[in-house]
Amino acid sequence: MEAKFFRFLKTVGVGFKARAESEGRLLYLKLGNSHEVELTVPPAVRVFCFKPNVICCAGIDEERVQQFAASIRSCKPPEVYKGKGIMYMDEVIKKQQGKKSK
């Protein structure tokens, strides 16, 4: 399968890891829960993990690639105070300031 469309995601946080198995058909995410999150990849999409914190979704159908990348991101969207979570590589998170003490 020749992949034309790519979407890169990165995980930010202590202990957040990703791994792909069975030729890009299964994706396992460790996101700070007591269990791993297992995602089944759709038929037109392949998943690769270059590092434990970098995920690449590739495929021939742009809509399916974007949709699956969005479903990965929805498992742990980035939070605005520390920036932890799963985000797109080109995404910029505008961080909010915490509570101020008097």
PDB file of N, CA and C in Angstrom:
ATOM      1  N   MET A   1       0.840  -1.176   0.000  1.00  0.00           N
ATOM      2  CA  MET A   1       0.000   0.000   0.000  1.00  0.00           C
ATOM      3  C   MET A   1       0.883   1.236   0.000  1.00  0.00           C
ATOM      4  N   GLU A   2       0.689   2.080  -0.961  1.00  0.00           N
ATOM      5  CA  GLU A   2       1.450   3.315  -1.046  1.00  0.00           C
ATOM      6  C   GLU A   2       0.693   4.399  -0.292  1.00  0.00           C
ATOM      7  N   ALA A   3       1.313   4.925   0.745  1.00  0.00           N
ATOM      8  CA  ALA A   3       0.662   5.936   1.570  1.00  0.00           C
ATOM      9  C   ALA A   3       0.894   7.318   0.974  1.00  0.00           C
ATOM     10  N   LYS A   4      -0.177   8.056   0.803  1.00  0.00           N
ATOM     11  CA  LYS A   4      -0.072   9.411   0.278  1.00  0.00           C
ATOM     12  C   LYS A   4      -0.294  10.464   1.353  1.00  0.00           C
ATOM     13  N   PHE A   5      -1.038  10.113   2.390  1.00  0.00           N
ATOM     14  CA  PHE A   5      -1.383  11.083   3.413  1.00  0.00           C
ATOM     15  C   PHE A   5      -0.848  10.622   4.757  1.00  0.00           C
ATOM     16  N   PHE A   6      -0.270  11.560   5.496  1.00  0.00           N
ATOM     17  CA  PHE A   6       0.335  11.269   6.784  1.00  0.00           C
ATOM     18  C   PHE A   6      -0.206  12.227   7.830  1.00  0.00           C
ATOM     19  N   ARG A   7      -0.247  11.756   9.063  1.00  0.00           N
ATOM     20  CA  ARG A   7      -0.594  12.616  10.193  1.00  0.00           C
ATOM     21  C   ARG A   7       0.258  12.155  11.360  1.00  0.00           C
ATOM     22  N   PHE A   8       1.063  13.057  11.901  1.00  0.00           N
ATOM     23  CA  PHE A   8       1.964  12.732  13.003  1.00  0.00           C
ATOM     24  C   PHE A   8       1.389  13.263  14.309  1.00  0.00           C
ATOM     25  N   LEU A   9       1.469  12.437  15.348  1.00  0.00           N
ATOM     26  CA  LEU A   9       1.035  12.827  16.679  1.00  0.00           C
ATOM     27  C   LEU A   9       2.168  12.584  17.659  1.00  0.00           C
ATOM     28  N   LYS A  10       2.177  13.346  18.736  1.00  0.00           N
ATOM     29  CA  LYS A  10       3.173  13.111  19.778  1.00  0.00           C
ATOM     30  C   LYS A  10       2.481  13.066  21.129  1.00  0.00           C
ATOM     31  N   THR A  11       3.012  12.232  22.015  1.00  0.00           N
ATOM     32  CA  THR A  11       2.492  12.134  23.371  1.00  0.00           C
ATOM     33  C   THR A  11       3.426  12.887  24.293  1.00  0.00           C
ATOM     34  N   VAL A  12       2.854  13.719  25.139  1.00  0.00           N
ATOM     35  CA  VAL A  12       3.629  14.517  26.079  1.00  0.00           C
ATOM     36  C   VAL A  12       3.141  14.173  27.474  1.00  0.00           C
ATOM     37  N   GLY A  13       4.034  13.714  28.317  1.00  0.00           N
ATOM     38  CA  GLY A  13       3.682  13.377  29.687  1.00  0.00           C
ATOM     39  C   GLY A  13       4.580  12.264  30.196  1.00  0.00           C
ATOM     40  N   VAL A  14       4.719  12.193  31.493  1.00  0.00           N
ATOM     41  CA  VAL A  14       5.575  11.185  32.105  1.00  0.00           C
ATOM     42  C   VAL A  14       4.895   9.826  31.994  1.00  0.00           C
ATOM     43  N   GLY A  15       5.566   8.880  31.368  1.00  0.00           N
ATOM     44  CA  GLY A  15       5.040   7.525  31.244  1.00  0.00           C
ATOM     45  C   GLY A  15       4.058   7.322  30.103  1.00  0.00           C
ATOM     46  N   PHE A  16       3.799   8.339  29.287  1.00  0.00           N
ATOM     47  CA  PHE A  16       2.897   8.188  28.145  1.00  0.00           C
ATOM     48  C   PHE A  16       3.676   7.539  27.002  1.00  0.00           C
ATOM     49  N   LYS A  17       3.210   6.377  26.548  1.00  0.00           N
ATOM     50  CA  LYS A  17       3.911   5.646  25.495  1.00  0.00           C
ATOM     51  C   LYS A  17       2.914   5.068  24.510  1.00  0.00           C
ATOM     52  N   ALA A  18       3.391   4.789  23.310  1.00  0.00           N
ATOM     53  CA  ALA A  18       2.575   4.158  22.278  1.00  0.00           C
ATOM     54  C   ALA A  18       3.399   3.070  21.609  1.00  0.00           C
ATOM     55  N   ARG A  19       2.715   2.001  21.171  1.00  0.00           N
ATOM     56  CA  ARG A  19       3.385   0.956  20.400  1.00  0.00           C
ATOM     57  C   ARG A  19       2.389   0.356  19.425  1.00  0.00           C
ATOM     58  N   ALA A  20       2.884   0.049  18.246  1.00  0.00           N
ATOM     59  CA  ALA A  20       2.061  -0.546  17.193  1.00  0.00           C
ATOM     60  C   ALA A  20       2.461  -2.005  17.035  1.00  0.00           C
ATOM     61  N   GLU A  21       1.456  -2.862  16.813  1.00  0.00           N
ATOM     62  CA  GLU A  21       1.716  -4.286  16.648  1.00  0.00           C
ATOM     63  C   GLU A  21       0.936  -4.838  15.473  1.00  0.00           C
ATOM     64  N   SER A  22       1.281  -6.050  15.102  1.00  0.00           N
ATOM     65  CA  SER A  22       0.671  -6.821  14.007  1.00  0.00           C
ATOM     66  C   SER A  22       0.558  -5.991  12.728  1.00  0.00           C
ATOM     67  N   GLU A  23       1.743  -5.521  12.283  1.00  0.00           N
ATOM     68  CA  GLU A  23       1.896  -4.797  11.014  1.00  0.00           C
ATOM     69  C   GLU A  23       1.014  -3.556  10.927  1.00  0.00           C
ATOM     70  N   GLY A  24       0.939  -2.811  11.998  1.00  0.00           N
ATOM     71  CA  GLY A  24       0.192  -1.558  11.977  1.00  0.00           C
ATOM     72  C   GLY A  24      -1.308  -1.715  12.086  1.00  0.00           C
ATOM     73  N   ARG A  25      -1.784  -2.842  12.571  1.00  0.00           N
ATOM     74  CA  ARG A  25      -3.227  -3.085  12.696  1.00  0.00           C
ATOM     75  C   ARG A  25      -3.748  -2.802  14.101  1.00  0.00           C
ATOM     76  N   LEU A  26      -2.868  -2.814  15.095  1.00  0.00           N
ATOM     77  CA  LEU A  26      -3.259  -2.544  16.479  1.00  0.00           C
ATOM     78  C   LEU A  26      -2.363  -1.458  17.050  1.00  0.00           C
ATOM     79  N   LEU A  27      -2.951  -0.604  17.861  1.00  0.00           N
ATOM     80  CA  LEU A  27      -2.198   0.461  18.521  1.00  0.00           C
ATOM     81  C   LEU A  27      -2.499   0.392  20.015  1.00  0.00           C
ATOM     82  N   TYR A  28      -1.450   0.311  20.806  1.00  0.00           N
ATOM     83  CA  TYR A  28      -1.587   0.279  22.259  1.00  0.00           C
ATOM     84  C   TYR A  28      -1.045   1.580  22.823  1.00  0.00           C
ATOM     85  N   LEU A  29      -1.824   2.213  23.692  1.00  0.00           N
ATOM     86  CA  LEU A  29      -1.440   3.483  24.298  1.00  0.00           C
ATOM     87  C   LEU A  29      -1.405   3.341  25.813  1.00  0.00           C
ATOM     88  N   LYS A  30      -0.306   3.763  26.423  1.00  0.00           N
ATOM     89  CA  LYS A  30      -0.217   3.871  27.874  1.00  0.00           C
ATOM     90  C   LYS A  30      -0.351   5.350  28.202  1.00  0.00           C
ATOM     91  N   LEU A  31      -1.465   5.706  28.846  1.00  0.00           N
ATOM     92  CA  LEU A  31      -1.767   7.120  29.061  1.00  0.00           C
ATOM     93  C   LEU A  31      -1.998   7.450  30.532  1.00  0.00           C
ATOM     94  N   GLY A  32      -1.344   6.731  31.423  1.00  0.00           N
ATOM     95  CA  GLY A  32      -1.475   7.033  32.834  1.00  0.00           C
ATOM     96  C   GLY A  32      -2.643   6.344  33.501  1.00  0.00           C
ATOM     97  N   ASN A  33      -3.377   5.509  32.793  1.00  0.00           N
ATOM     98  CA  ASN A  33      -4.457   4.737  33.402  1.00  0.00           C
ATOM     99  C   ASN A  33      -3.879   3.435  33.961  1.00  0.00           C
ATOM    100  N   SER A  34      -4.725   2.662  34.625  1.00  0.00           N
ATOM    101  CA  SER A  34      -4.281   1.388  35.155  1.00  0.00           C
ATOM    102  C   SER A  34      -4.193   0.319  34.066  1.00  0.00           C
ATOM    103  N   HIS A  35      -4.719   0.620  32.886  1.00  0.00           N
ATOM    104  CA  HIS A  35      -4.725  -0.338  31.779  1.00  0.00           C
ATOM    105  C   HIS A  35      -4.238   0.357  30.509  1.00  0.00           C
ATOM    106  N   GLU A  36      -3.860  -0.439  29.519  1.00  0.00           N
ATOM    107  CA  GLU A  36      -3.491   0.098  28.211  1.00  0.00           C
ATOM    108  C   GLU A  36      -4.757   0.302  27.386  1.00  0.00           C
ATOM    109  N   VAL A  37      -4.769   1.344  26.587  1.00  0.00           N
ATOM    110  CA  VAL A  37      -5.871   1.586  25.667  1.00  0.00           C
ATOM    111  C   VAL A  37      -5.514   0.905  24.349  1.00  0.00           C
ATOM    112  N   GLU A  38      -6.384   0.021  23.870  1.00  0.00           N
ATOM    113  CA  GLU A  38      -6.138  -0.701  22.624  1.00  0.00           C
ATOM    114  C   GLU A  38      -7.059  -0.159  21.543  1.00  0.00           C
ATOM    115  N   LEU A  39      -6.482   0.265  20.435  1.00  0.00           N
ATOM    116  CA  LEU A  39      -7.248   0.788  19.309  1.00  0.00           C
ATOM    117  C   LEU A  39      -7.018  -0.095  18.084  1.00  0.00           C
ATOM    118  N   THR A  40      -8.110  -0.470  17.418  1.00  0.00           N
ATOM    119  CA  THR A  40      -8.011  -1.228  16.175  1.00  0.00           C
ATOM    120  C   THR A  40      -7.982  -0.240  15.020  1.00  0.00           C
ATOM    121  N   VAL A  41      -7.020  -0.420  14.141  1.00  0.00           N
ATOM    122  CA  VAL A  41      -6.812   0.517  13.040  1.00  0.00           C
ATOM    123  C   VAL A  41      -7.748   0.164  11.888  1.00  0.00           C
ATOM    124  N   PRO A  42      -8.390   1.150  11.243  1.00  0.00           N
ATOM    125  CA  PRO A  42      -9.256   0.865  10.091  1.00  0.00           C
ATOM    126  C   PRO A  42      -8.467   0.277   8.916  1.00  0.00           C
ATOM    127  N   PRO A  43      -9.160  -0.367   7.966  1.00  0.00           N
ATOM    128  CA  PRO A  43      -8.469  -1.067   6.871  1.00  0.00           C
ATOM    129  C   PRO A  43      -7.601  -0.184   5.970  1.00  0.00           C
ATOM    130  N   ALA A  44      -7.968   1.059   5.742  1.00  0.00           N
ATOM    131  CA  ALA A  44      -7.221   1.901   4.804  1.00  0.00           C
ATOM    132  C   ALA A  44      -6.109   2.697   5.472  1.00  0.00           C
ATOM    133  N   VAL A  45      -5.831   2.415   6.739  1.00  0.00           N
ATOM    134  CA  VAL A  45      -4.853   3.199   7.500  1.00  0.00           C
ATOM    135  C   VAL A  45      -3.810   2.256   8.099  1.00  0.00           C
ATOM    136  N   ARG A  46      -2.576   2.714   8.154  1.00  0.00           N
ATOM    137  CA  ARG A  46      -1.501   1.998   8.845  1.00  0.00           C
ATOM    138  C   ARG A  46      -0.940   2.925   9.925  1.00  0.00           C
ATOM    139  N   VAL A  47      -0.456   2.318  10.993  1.00  0.00           N
ATOM    140  CA  VAL A  47       0.096   3.089  12.102  1.00  0.00           C
ATOM    141  C   VAL A  47       1.525   2.629  12.361  1.00  0.00           C
ATOM    142  N   PHE A  48       2.418   3.598  12.553  1.00  0.00           N
ATOM    143  CA  PHE A  48       3.816   3.327  12.871  1.00  0.00           C
ATOM    144  C   PHE A  48       4.194   4.144  14.088  1.00  0.00           C
ATOM    145  N   CYS A  49       5.048   3.591  14.929  1.00  0.00           N
ATOM    146  CA  CYS A  49       5.583   4.313  16.077  1.00  0.00           C
ATOM    147  C   CYS A  49       7.093   4.405  15.900  1.00  0.00           C
ATOM    148  N   PHE A  50       7.589   5.594  15.580  1.00  0.00           N
ATOM    149  CA  PHE A  50       9.019   5.772  15.386  1.00  0.00           C
ATOM    150  C   PHE A  50       9.758   5.779  16.715  1.00  0.00           C
ATOM    151  N   LYS A  51       9.181   6.427  17.697  1.00  0.00           N
ATOM    152  CA  LYS A  51       9.681   6.446  19.068  1.00  0.00           C
ATOM    153  C   LYS A  51       8.492   6.101  19.951  1.00  0.00           C
ATOM    154  N   PRO A  52       8.707   5.864  21.223  1.00  0.00           N
ATOM    155  CA  PRO A  52       7.546   5.602  22.087  1.00  0.00           C
ATOM    156  C   PRO A  52       6.600   6.793  22.216  1.00  0.00           C
ATOM    157  N   ASN A  53       7.046   7.992  21.830  1.00  0.00           N
ATOM    158  CA  ASN A  53       6.171   9.156  21.960  1.00  0.00           C
ATOM    159  C   ASN A  53       5.788   9.780  20.621  1.00  0.00           C
ATOM    160  N   VAL A  54       6.113   9.152  19.497  1.00  0.00           N
ATOM    161  CA  VAL A  54       5.751   9.678  18.173  1.00  0.00           C
ATOM    162  C   VAL A  54       4.937   8.624  17.428  1.00  0.00           C
ATOM    163  N   ILE A  55       3.734   9.019  16.979  1.00  0.00           N
ATOM    164  CA  ILE A  55       2.835   8.118  16.264  1.00  0.00           C
ATOM    165  C   ILE A  55       2.624   8.685  14.868  1.00  0.00           C
ATOM    166  N   CYS A  56       2.674   7.819  13.850  1.00  0.00           N
ATOM    167  CA  CYS A  56       2.437   8.227  12.475  1.00  0.00           C
ATOM    168  C   CYS A  56       1.255   7.438  11.921  1.00  0.00           C
ATOM    169  N   CYS A  57       0.239   8.142  11.460  1.00  0.00           N
ATOM    170  CA  CYS A  57      -0.893   7.525  10.772  1.00  0.00           C
ATOM    171  C   CYS A  57      -0.712   7.793   9.288  1.00  0.00           C
ATOM    172  N   ALA A  58      -0.742   6.746   8.484  1.00  0.00           N
ATOM    173  CA  ALA A  58      -0.535   6.883   7.052  1.00  0.00           C
ATOM    174  C   ALA A  58      -1.589   6.080   6.312  1.00  0.00           C
ATOM    175  N   GLY A  59      -1.946   6.548   5.104  1.00  0.00           N
ATOM    176  CA  GLY A  59      -2.927   5.826   4.315  1.00  0.00           C
ATOM    177  C   GLY A  59      -3.184   6.494   2.979  1.00  0.00           C
ATOM    178  N   ILE A  60      -4.067   5.871   2.203  1.00  0.00           N
ATOM    179  CA  ILE A  60      -4.374   6.395   0.879  1.00  0.00           C
ATOM    180  C   ILE A  60      -5.625   7.263   0.878  1.00  0.00           C
ATOM    181  N   ASP A  61      -6.424   7.192   1.937  1.00  0.00           N
ATOM    182  CA  ASP A  61      -7.643   7.993   2.039  1.00  0.00           C
ATOM    183  C   ASP A  61      -7.434   9.059   3.115  1.00  0.00           C
ATOM    184  N   GLU A  62      -7.420  10.319   2.704  1.00  0.00           N
ATOM    185  CA  GLU A  62      -7.113  11.412   3.625  1.00  0.00           C
ATOM    186  C   GLU A  62      -8.133  11.510   4.753  1.00  0.00           C
ATOM    187  N   GLU A  63      -9.397  11.323   4.437  1.00  0.00           N
ATOM    188  CA  GLU A  63     -10.439  11.465   5.452  1.00  0.00           C
ATOM    189  C   GLU A  63     -10.311  10.404   6.545  1.00  0.00           C
ATOM    190  N   ARG A  64     -10.023   9.165   6.153  1.00  0.00           N
ATOM    191  CA  ARG A  64      -9.878   8.099   7.152  1.00  0.00           C
ATOM    192  C   ARG A  64      -8.638   8.292   8.016  1.00  0.00           C
ATOM    193  N   VAL A  65      -7.559   8.780   7.409  1.00  0.00           N
ATOM    194  CA  VAL A  65      -6.339   9.045   8.170  1.00  0.00           C
ATOM    195  C   VAL A  65      -6.601  10.135   9.205  1.00  0.00           C
ATOM    196  N   GLN A  66      -7.250  11.228   8.778  1.00  0.00           N
ATOM    197  CA  GLN A  66      -7.546  12.334   9.695  1.00  0.00           C
ATOM    198  C   GLN A  66      -8.502  11.885  10.794  1.00  0.00           C
ATOM    199  N   GLN A  67      -9.506  11.074  10.437  1.00  0.00           N
ATOM    200  CA  GLN A  67     -10.488  10.616  11.409  1.00  0.00           C
ATOM    201  C   GLN A  67      -9.851   9.712  12.462  1.00  0.00           C
ATOM    202  N   PHE A  68      -8.971   8.811  12.030  1.00  0.00           N
ATOM    203  CA  PHE A  68      -8.321   7.928  12.993  1.00  0.00           C
ATOM    204  C   PHE A  68      -7.342   8.700  13.874  1.00  0.00           C
ATOM    205  N   ALA A  69      -6.634   9.677  13.300  1.00  0.00           N
ATOM    206  CA  ALA A  69      -5.740  10.511  14.106  1.00  0.00           C
ATOM    207  C   ALA A  69      -6.532  11.294  15.142  1.00  0.00           C
ATOM    208  N   ALA A  70      -7.726  11.740  14.780  1.00  0.00           N
ATOM    209  CA  ALA A  70      -8.577  12.460  15.735  1.00  0.00           C
ATOM    210  C   ALA A  70      -9.075  11.527  16.839  1.00  0.00           C
ATOM    211  N   SER A  71      -9.340  10.268  16.493  1.00  0.00           N
ATOM    212  CA  SER A  71      -9.780   9.324  17.526  1.00  0.00           C
ATOM    213  C   SER A  71      -8.640   8.979  18.484  1.00  0.00           C
ATOM    214  N   ILE A  72      -7.397   8.959  17.998  1.00  0.00           N
ATOM    215  CA  ILE A  72      -6.246   8.756  18.879  1.00  0.00           C
ATOM    216  C   ILE A  72      -6.112   9.948  19.814  1.00  0.00           C
ATOM    217  N   ARG A  73      -6.228  11.141  19.263  1.00  0.00           N
ATOM    218  CA  ARG A  73      -6.090  12.365  20.059  1.00  0.00           C
ATOM    219  C   ARG A  73      -7.179  12.475  21.111  1.00  0.00           C
ATOM    220  N   SER A  74      -8.372  11.976  20.810  1.00  0.00           N
ATOM    221  CA  SER A  74      -9.480  12.093  21.759  1.00  0.00           C
ATOM    222  C   SER A  74      -9.310  11.180  22.974  1.00  0.00           C
ATOM    223  N   CYS A  75      -8.390  10.222  22.922  1.00  0.00           N
ATOM    224  CA  CYS A  75      -8.137   9.370  24.094  1.00  0.00           C
ATOM    225  C   CYS A  75      -7.567  10.192  25.244  1.00  0.00           C
ATOM    226  N   LYS A  76      -6.753  11.179  24.952  1.00  0.00           N
ATOM    227  CA  LYS A  76      -6.168  12.044  25.980  1.00  0.00           C
ATOM    228  C   LYS A  76      -5.823  13.386  25.336  1.00  0.00           C
ATOM    229  N   PRO A  77      -6.806  14.272  25.125  1.00  0.00           N
ATOM    230  CA  PRO A  77      -6.516  15.566  24.487  1.00  0.00           C
ATOM    231  C   PRO A  77      -5.593  16.408  25.365  1.00  0.00           C
ATOM    232  N   PRO A  78      -4.806  17.290  24.763  1.00  0.00           N
ATOM    233  CA  PRO A  78      -3.853  18.087  25.548  1.00  0.00           C
ATOM    234  C   PRO A  78      -4.574  19.035  26.496  1.00  0.00           C
ATOM    235  N   GLU A  79      -4.060  19.134  27.702  1.00  0.00           N
ATOM    236  CA  GLU A  79      -4.669  20.038  28.659  1.00  0.00           C
ATOM    237  C   GLU A  79      -3.915  21.371  28.651  1.00  0.00           C
ATOM    238  N   VAL A  80      -4.597  22.435  29.026  1.00  0.00           N
ATOM    239  CA  VAL A  80      -4.087  23.782  28.783  1.00  0.00           C
ATOM    240  C   VAL A  80      -3.144  24.290  29.868  1.00  0.00           C
ATOM    241  N   TYR A  81      -3.052  23.613  31.016  1.00  0.00           N
ATOM    242  CA  TYR A  81      -2.208  24.124  32.091  1.00  0.00           C
ATOM    243  C   TYR A  81      -0.782  23.605  32.010  1.00  0.00           C
ATOM    244  N   LYS A  82      -0.596  22.323  31.714  1.00  0.00           N
ATOM    245  CA  LYS A  82       0.755  21.761  31.610  1.00  0.00           C
ATOM    246  C   LYS A  82       1.101  21.302  30.202  1.00  0.00           C
ATOM    247  N   GLY A  83       0.112  21.135  29.340  1.00  0.00           N
ATOM    248  CA  GLY A  83       0.368  20.711  27.978  1.00  0.00           C
ATOM    249  C   GLY A  83       0.502  19.210  27.811  1.00  0.00           C
ATOM    250  N   LYS A  84       0.090  18.433  28.816  1.00  0.00           N
ATOM    251  CA  LYS A  84       0.196  16.978  28.727  1.00  0.00           C
ATOM    252  C   LYS A  84      -0.942  16.420  27.885  1.00  0.00           C
ATOM    253  N   GLY A  85      -0.685  15.306  27.218  1.00  0.00           N
ATOM    254  CA  GLY A  85      -1.707  14.637  26.422  1.00  0.00           C
ATOM    255  C   GLY A  85      -1.167  14.253  25.052  1.00  0.00           C
ATOM    256  N   ILE A  86      -2.089  13.945  24.142  1.00  0.00           N
ATOM    257  CA  ILE A  86      -1.724  13.606  22.772  1.00  0.00           C
ATOM    258  C   ILE A  86      -2.089  14.784  21.884  1.00  0.00           C
ATOM    259  N   MET A  87      -1.118  15.252  21.100  1.00  0.00           N
ATOM    260  CA  MET A  87      -1.367  16.388  20.216  1.00  0.00           C
ATOM    261  C   MET A  87      -0.719  16.137  18.863  1.00  0.00           C
ATOM    262  N   TYR A  88      -1.202  16.858  17.865  1.00  0.00           N
ATOM    263  CA  TYR A  88      -0.595  16.788  16.545  1.00  0.00           C
ATOM    264  C   TYR A  88       0.770  17.442  16.609  1.00  0.00           C
ATOM    265  N   MET A  89       1.677  17.028  15.716  1.00  0.00           N
ATOM    266  CA  MET A  89       3.036  17.574  15.715  1.00  0.00           C
ATOM    267  C   MET A  89       3.047  19.078  15.451  1.00  0.00           C
ATOM    268  N   ASP A  90       2.191  19.527  14.538  1.00  0.00           N
ATOM    269  CA  ASP A  90       2.188  20.941  14.175  1.00  0.00           C
ATOM    270  C   ASP A  90       1.216  21.772  15.014  1.00  0.00           C
ATOM    271  N   GLU A  91       0.625  21.173  16.047  1.00  0.00           N
ATOM    272  CA  GLU A  91      -0.348  21.874  16.888  1.00  0.00           C
ATOM    273  C   GLU A  91       0.372  22.681  17.964  1.00  0.00           C
ATOM    274  N   VAL A  92      -0.118  23.884  18.198  1.00  0.00           N
ATOM    275  CA  VAL A  92       0.434  24.739  19.237  1.00  0.00           C
ATOM    276  C   VAL A  92      -0.616  24.885  20.328  1.00  0.00           C
ATOM    277  N   ILE A  93      -0.250  24.534  21.538  1.00  0.00           N
ATOM    278  CA  ILE A  93      -1.157  24.635  22.674  1.00  0.00           C
ATOM    279  C   ILE A  93      -0.867  25.939  23.404  1.00  0.00           C
ATOM    280  N   LYS A  94      -1.871  26.783  23.478  1.00  0.00           N
ATOM    281  CA  LYS A  94      -1.720  28.029  24.214  1.00  0.00           C
ATOM    282  C   LYS A  94      -1.989  27.724  25.683  1.00  0.00           C
ATOM    283  N   LYS A  95      -0.961  27.842  26.511  1.00  0.00           N
ATOM    284  CA  LYS A  95      -1.072  27.466  27.907  1.00  0.00           C
ATOM    285  C   LYS A  95      -1.711  28.593  28.715  1.00  0.00           C
ATOM    286  N   GLN A  96      -2.536  28.205  29.678  1.00  0.00           N
ATOM    287  CA  GLN A  96      -3.172  29.171  30.552  1.00  0.00           C
ATOM    288  C   GLN A  96      -2.361  29.303  31.834  1.00  0.00           C
ATOM    289  N   GLN A  97      -2.490  30.457  32.434  1.00  0.00           N
ATOM    290  CA  GLN A  97      -1.816  30.689  33.691  1.00  0.00           C
ATOM    291  C   GLN A  97      -2.647  30.085  34.818  1.00  0.00           C
ATOM    292  N   GLY A  98      -1.982  29.528  35.816  1.00  0.00           N
ATOM    293  CA  GLY A  98      -2.682  28.932  36.942  1.00  0.00           C
ATOM    294  C   GLY A  98      -3.239  29.993  37.875  1.00  0.00           C
ATOM    295  N   LYS A  99      -3.805  29.547  38.981  1.00  0.00           N
ATOM    296  CA  LYS A  99      -4.344  30.477  39.966  1.00  0.00           C
ATOM    297  C   LYS A  99      -3.234  31.305  40.570  1.00  0.00           C
ATOM    298  N   LYS A 100      -3.503  32.579  40.731  1.00  0.00           N
ATOM    299  CA  LYS A 100      -2.527  33.442  41.361  1.00  0.00           C
ATOM    300  C   LYS A 100      -2.807  33.532  42.844  1.00  0.00           C
ATOM    301  N   SER A 101      -1.743  33.533  43.638  1.00  0.00           N
ATOM    302  CA  SER A 101      -1.931  33.725  45.073  1.00  0.00           C
ATOM    303  C   SER A 101      -1.867  35.210  45.383  1.00  0.00           C
ATOM    304  N   LYS A 102      -2.474  35.591  46.477  1.00  0.00           N
ATOM    305  CA  LYS A 102      -2.548  37.018  46.812  1.00  0.00           C
ATOM    306  C   LYS A 102      -1.260  37.544  47.346  1.00  0.00           C
TER     307      LYS A 102
END
